[in-house]
Amino acid sequence: MPKYILATKFDFDEEDLAKRKEQGKKWLEMVKEKVPSIKWISHYAILGPYDFLDIFEAKNETEAAKVSLLSRAAGATFAESWTAIPYADFLNLLEDLK
């Protein structure tokens, strides 16, 4: 299955920080219910312009978009998704262009 990366940003206040773990669990349950074919690879809290980075596999870009939309529905102020091409596949693309 294709791999996707989801970067999300939240506006936190003190109340949100206390509820973050519970909100994260609810979001994950919602995604599993609405897009059950998703396969999670990893989840990170990150420094920089985004707060979280998720790497997952989905059948197609429509399913990946659902994950992004569910993030917004769960309170993310910003969600951006990218298609991830494995490096070996990228090298094969370069060979095809010769």
C-alpha atoms as a PDB file:
ATOM      1  CA  MET A   1       0.000   0.000   0.000  1.00  0.00           C
ATOM      2  CA  PRO A   2       1.180   3.563  -0.600  1.00  0.00           C
ATOM      3  CA  LYS A   3       2.715   5.436   2.314  1.00  0.00           C
ATOM      4  CA  TYR A   4       1.558   8.861   3.461  1.00  0.00           C
ATOM      5  CA  ILE A   5       2.788  11.424   5.932  1.00  0.00           C
ATOM      6  CA  LEU A   6       0.419  13.611   7.933  1.00  0.00           C
ATOM      7  CA  ALA A   7       1.701  16.738   9.678  1.00  0.00           C
ATOM      8  CA  THR A   8      -0.686  18.409  12.122  1.00  0.00           C
ATOM      9  CA  LYS A   9      -0.672  21.554  14.206  1.00  0.00           C
ATOM     10  CA  PHE A  10      -2.809  22.305  17.251  1.00  0.00           C
ATOM     11  CA  ASP A  11      -3.423  25.490  19.189  1.00  0.00           C
ATOM     12  CA  PHE A  12      -2.933  24.346  22.769  1.00  0.00           C
ATOM     13  CA  ASP A  13      -4.115  26.034  25.901  1.00  0.00           C
ATOM     14  CA  GLU A  14      -3.641  24.656  29.431  1.00  0.00           C
ATOM     15  CA  GLU A  15      -6.939  22.788  29.338  1.00  0.00           C
ATOM     16  CA  ASP A  16      -6.044  21.156  26.010  1.00  0.00           C
ATOM     17  CA  LEU A  17      -2.666  20.014  27.331  1.00  0.00           C
ATOM     18  CA  ALA A  18      -4.346  18.174  30.208  1.00  0.00           C
ATOM     19  CA  LYS A  19      -6.684  16.408  27.742  1.00  0.00           C
ATOM     20  CA  ARG A  20      -4.167  15.702  24.952  1.00  0.00           C
ATOM     21  CA  LYS A  21      -3.748  11.991  25.682  1.00  0.00           C
ATOM     22  CA  GLU A  22      -7.507  11.410  25.788  1.00  0.00           C
ATOM     23  CA  GLN A  23      -8.061  13.480  22.625  1.00  0.00           C
ATOM     24  CA  GLY A  24      -5.379  11.485  20.827  1.00  0.00           C
ATOM     25  CA  LYS A  25      -7.039   8.204  21.768  1.00  0.00           C
ATOM     26  CA  LYS A  26     -10.440   9.438  20.571  1.00  0.00           C
ATOM     27  CA  TRP A  27      -8.937  10.552  17.251  1.00  0.00           C
ATOM     28  CA  LEU A  28      -7.230   7.197  16.729  1.00  0.00           C
ATOM     29  CA  GLU A  29     -10.474   5.335  17.482  1.00  0.00           C
ATOM     30  CA  MET A  30     -12.343   7.589  15.043  1.00  0.00           C
ATOM     31  CA  VAL A  31      -9.796   6.944  12.278  1.00  0.00           C
ATOM     32  CA  LYS A  32      -9.857   3.180  12.908  1.00  0.00           C
ATOM     33  CA  GLU A  33     -13.660   3.217  12.689  1.00  0.00           C
ATOM     34  CA  LYS A  34     -13.955   5.419   9.585  1.00  0.00           C
ATOM     35  CA  VAL A  35     -10.891   4.151   7.685  1.00  0.00           C
ATOM     36  CA  PRO A  36     -10.250   0.616   8.997  1.00  0.00           C
ATOM     37  CA  SER A  37      -7.745  -0.332   6.283  1.00  0.00           C
ATOM     38  CA  ILE A  38      -5.180   2.241   7.491  1.00  0.00           C
ATOM     39  CA  LYS A  39      -1.936   0.708   8.722  1.00  0.00           C
ATOM     40  CA  TRP A  40      -0.031   2.912  11.189  1.00  0.00           C
ATOM     41  CA  ILE A  41       3.734   2.952  10.832  1.00  0.00           C
ATOM     42  CA  SER A  42       4.696   5.612  13.382  1.00  0.00           C
ATOM     43  CA  HIS A  43       3.546   8.667  15.313  1.00  0.00           C
ATOM     44  CA  TYR A  44       5.813  11.443  16.556  1.00  0.00           C
ATOM     45  CA  ALA A  45       5.497  14.641  18.554  1.00  0.00           C
ATOM     46  CA  ILE A  46       7.910  16.988  16.789  1.00  0.00           C
ATOM     47  CA  LEU A  47       9.586  20.360  17.115  1.00  0.00           C
ATOM     48  CA  GLY A  48       9.143  22.971  14.414  1.00  0.00           C
ATOM     49  CA  PRO A  49       6.099  24.351  12.622  1.00  0.00           C
ATOM     50  CA  TYR A  50       4.023  21.194  13.264  1.00  0.00           C
ATOM     51  CA  ASP A  51       3.169  19.433  16.517  1.00  0.00           C
ATOM     52  CA  PHE A  52       2.721  15.855  15.294  1.00  0.00           C
ATOM     53  CA  LEU A  53       3.867  13.718  12.386  1.00  0.00           C
ATOM     54  CA  ASP A  54       2.183  10.446  11.454  1.00  0.00           C
ATOM     55  CA  ILE A  55       3.371   7.930   8.903  1.00  0.00           C
ATOM     56  CA  PHE A  56       0.806   5.437   7.657  1.00  0.00           C
ATOM     57  CA  GLU A  57      -0.211   3.256   4.743  1.00  0.00           C
ATOM     58  CA  ALA A  58      -3.537   3.694   2.962  1.00  0.00           C
ATOM     59  CA  LYS A  59      -5.108   2.084  -0.078  1.00  0.00           C
ATOM     60  CA  ASN A  60      -5.203   5.388  -1.953  1.00  0.00           C
ATOM     61  CA  GLU A  61      -5.170   9.174  -1.655  1.00  0.00           C
ATOM     62  CA  THR A  62      -8.896   9.263  -0.847  1.00  0.00           C
ATOM     63  CA  GLU A  63      -8.355   7.239   2.309  1.00  0.00           C
ATOM     64  CA  ALA A  64      -5.323   9.355   3.196  1.00  0.00           C
ATOM     65  CA  ALA A  65      -7.459  12.476   2.785  1.00  0.00           C
ATOM     66  CA  LYS A  66     -10.011  11.028   5.202  1.00  0.00           C
ATOM     67  CA  VAL A  67      -7.297  10.716   7.855  1.00  0.00           C
ATOM     68  CA  SER A  68      -6.360  14.351   7.312  1.00  0.00           C
ATOM     69  CA  LEU A  69      -9.984  15.504   7.470  1.00  0.00           C
ATOM     70  CA  LEU A  70     -10.583  13.524  10.643  1.00  0.00           C
ATOM     71  CA  SER A  71      -7.576  15.285  12.172  1.00  0.00           C
ATOM     72  CA  ARG A  72      -9.201  18.637  11.453  1.00  0.00           C
ATOM     73  CA  ALA A  73     -12.503  17.355  12.874  1.00  0.00           C
ATOM     74  CA  ALA A  74     -10.651  16.334  16.044  1.00  0.00           C
ATOM     75  CA  GLY A  75      -9.279  19.829  16.611  1.00  0.00           C
ATOM     76  CA  ALA A  76      -6.167  20.176  14.482  1.00  0.00           C
ATOM     77  CA  THR A  77      -5.877  23.770  13.304  1.00  0.00           C
ATOM     78  CA  PHE A  78      -3.783  22.647  10.356  1.00  0.00           C
ATOM     79  CA  ALA A  79      -3.283  19.284   8.676  1.00  0.00           C
ATOM     80  CA  GLU A  80      -1.104  18.594   5.659  1.00  0.00           C
ATOM     81  CA  SER A  81      -0.673  15.228   3.942  1.00  0.00           C
ATOM     82  CA  TRP A  82       2.089  14.094   1.610  1.00  0.00           C
ATOM     83  CA  THR A  83       2.668  10.994  -0.465  1.00  0.00           C
ATOM     84  CA  ALA A  84       5.881   9.222   0.503  1.00  0.00           C
ATOM     85  CA  ILE A  85       7.864   7.376  -2.168  1.00  0.00           C
ATOM     86  CA  PRO A  86      10.380   4.850  -0.844  1.00  0.00           C
ATOM     87  CA  TYR A  87      13.906   5.877  -1.809  1.00  0.00           C
ATOM     88  CA  ALA A  88      14.572   2.683  -3.791  1.00  0.00           C
ATOM     89  CA  ASP A  89      11.443   3.381  -5.856  1.00  0.00           C
ATOM     90  CA  PHE A  90      12.628   6.953  -6.410  1.00  0.00           C
ATOM     91  CA  LEU A  91      15.952   5.656  -7.714  1.00  0.00           C
ATOM     92  CA  ASN A  92      14.054   3.386 -10.106  1.00  0.00           C
ATOM     93  CA  LEU A  93      12.143   6.419 -11.366  1.00  0.00           C
ATOM     94  CA  LEU A  94      15.451   8.098 -12.127  1.00  0.00           C
ATOM     95  CA  GLU A  95      16.571   5.053 -14.081  1.00  0.00           C
ATOM     96  CA  ASP A  96      13.326   5.109 -16.069  1.00  0.00           C
ATOM     97  CA  LEU A  97      14.046   8.708 -17.108  1.00  0.00           C
ATOM     98  CA  LYS A  98      17.385   7.886 -18.705  1.00  0.00           C
END
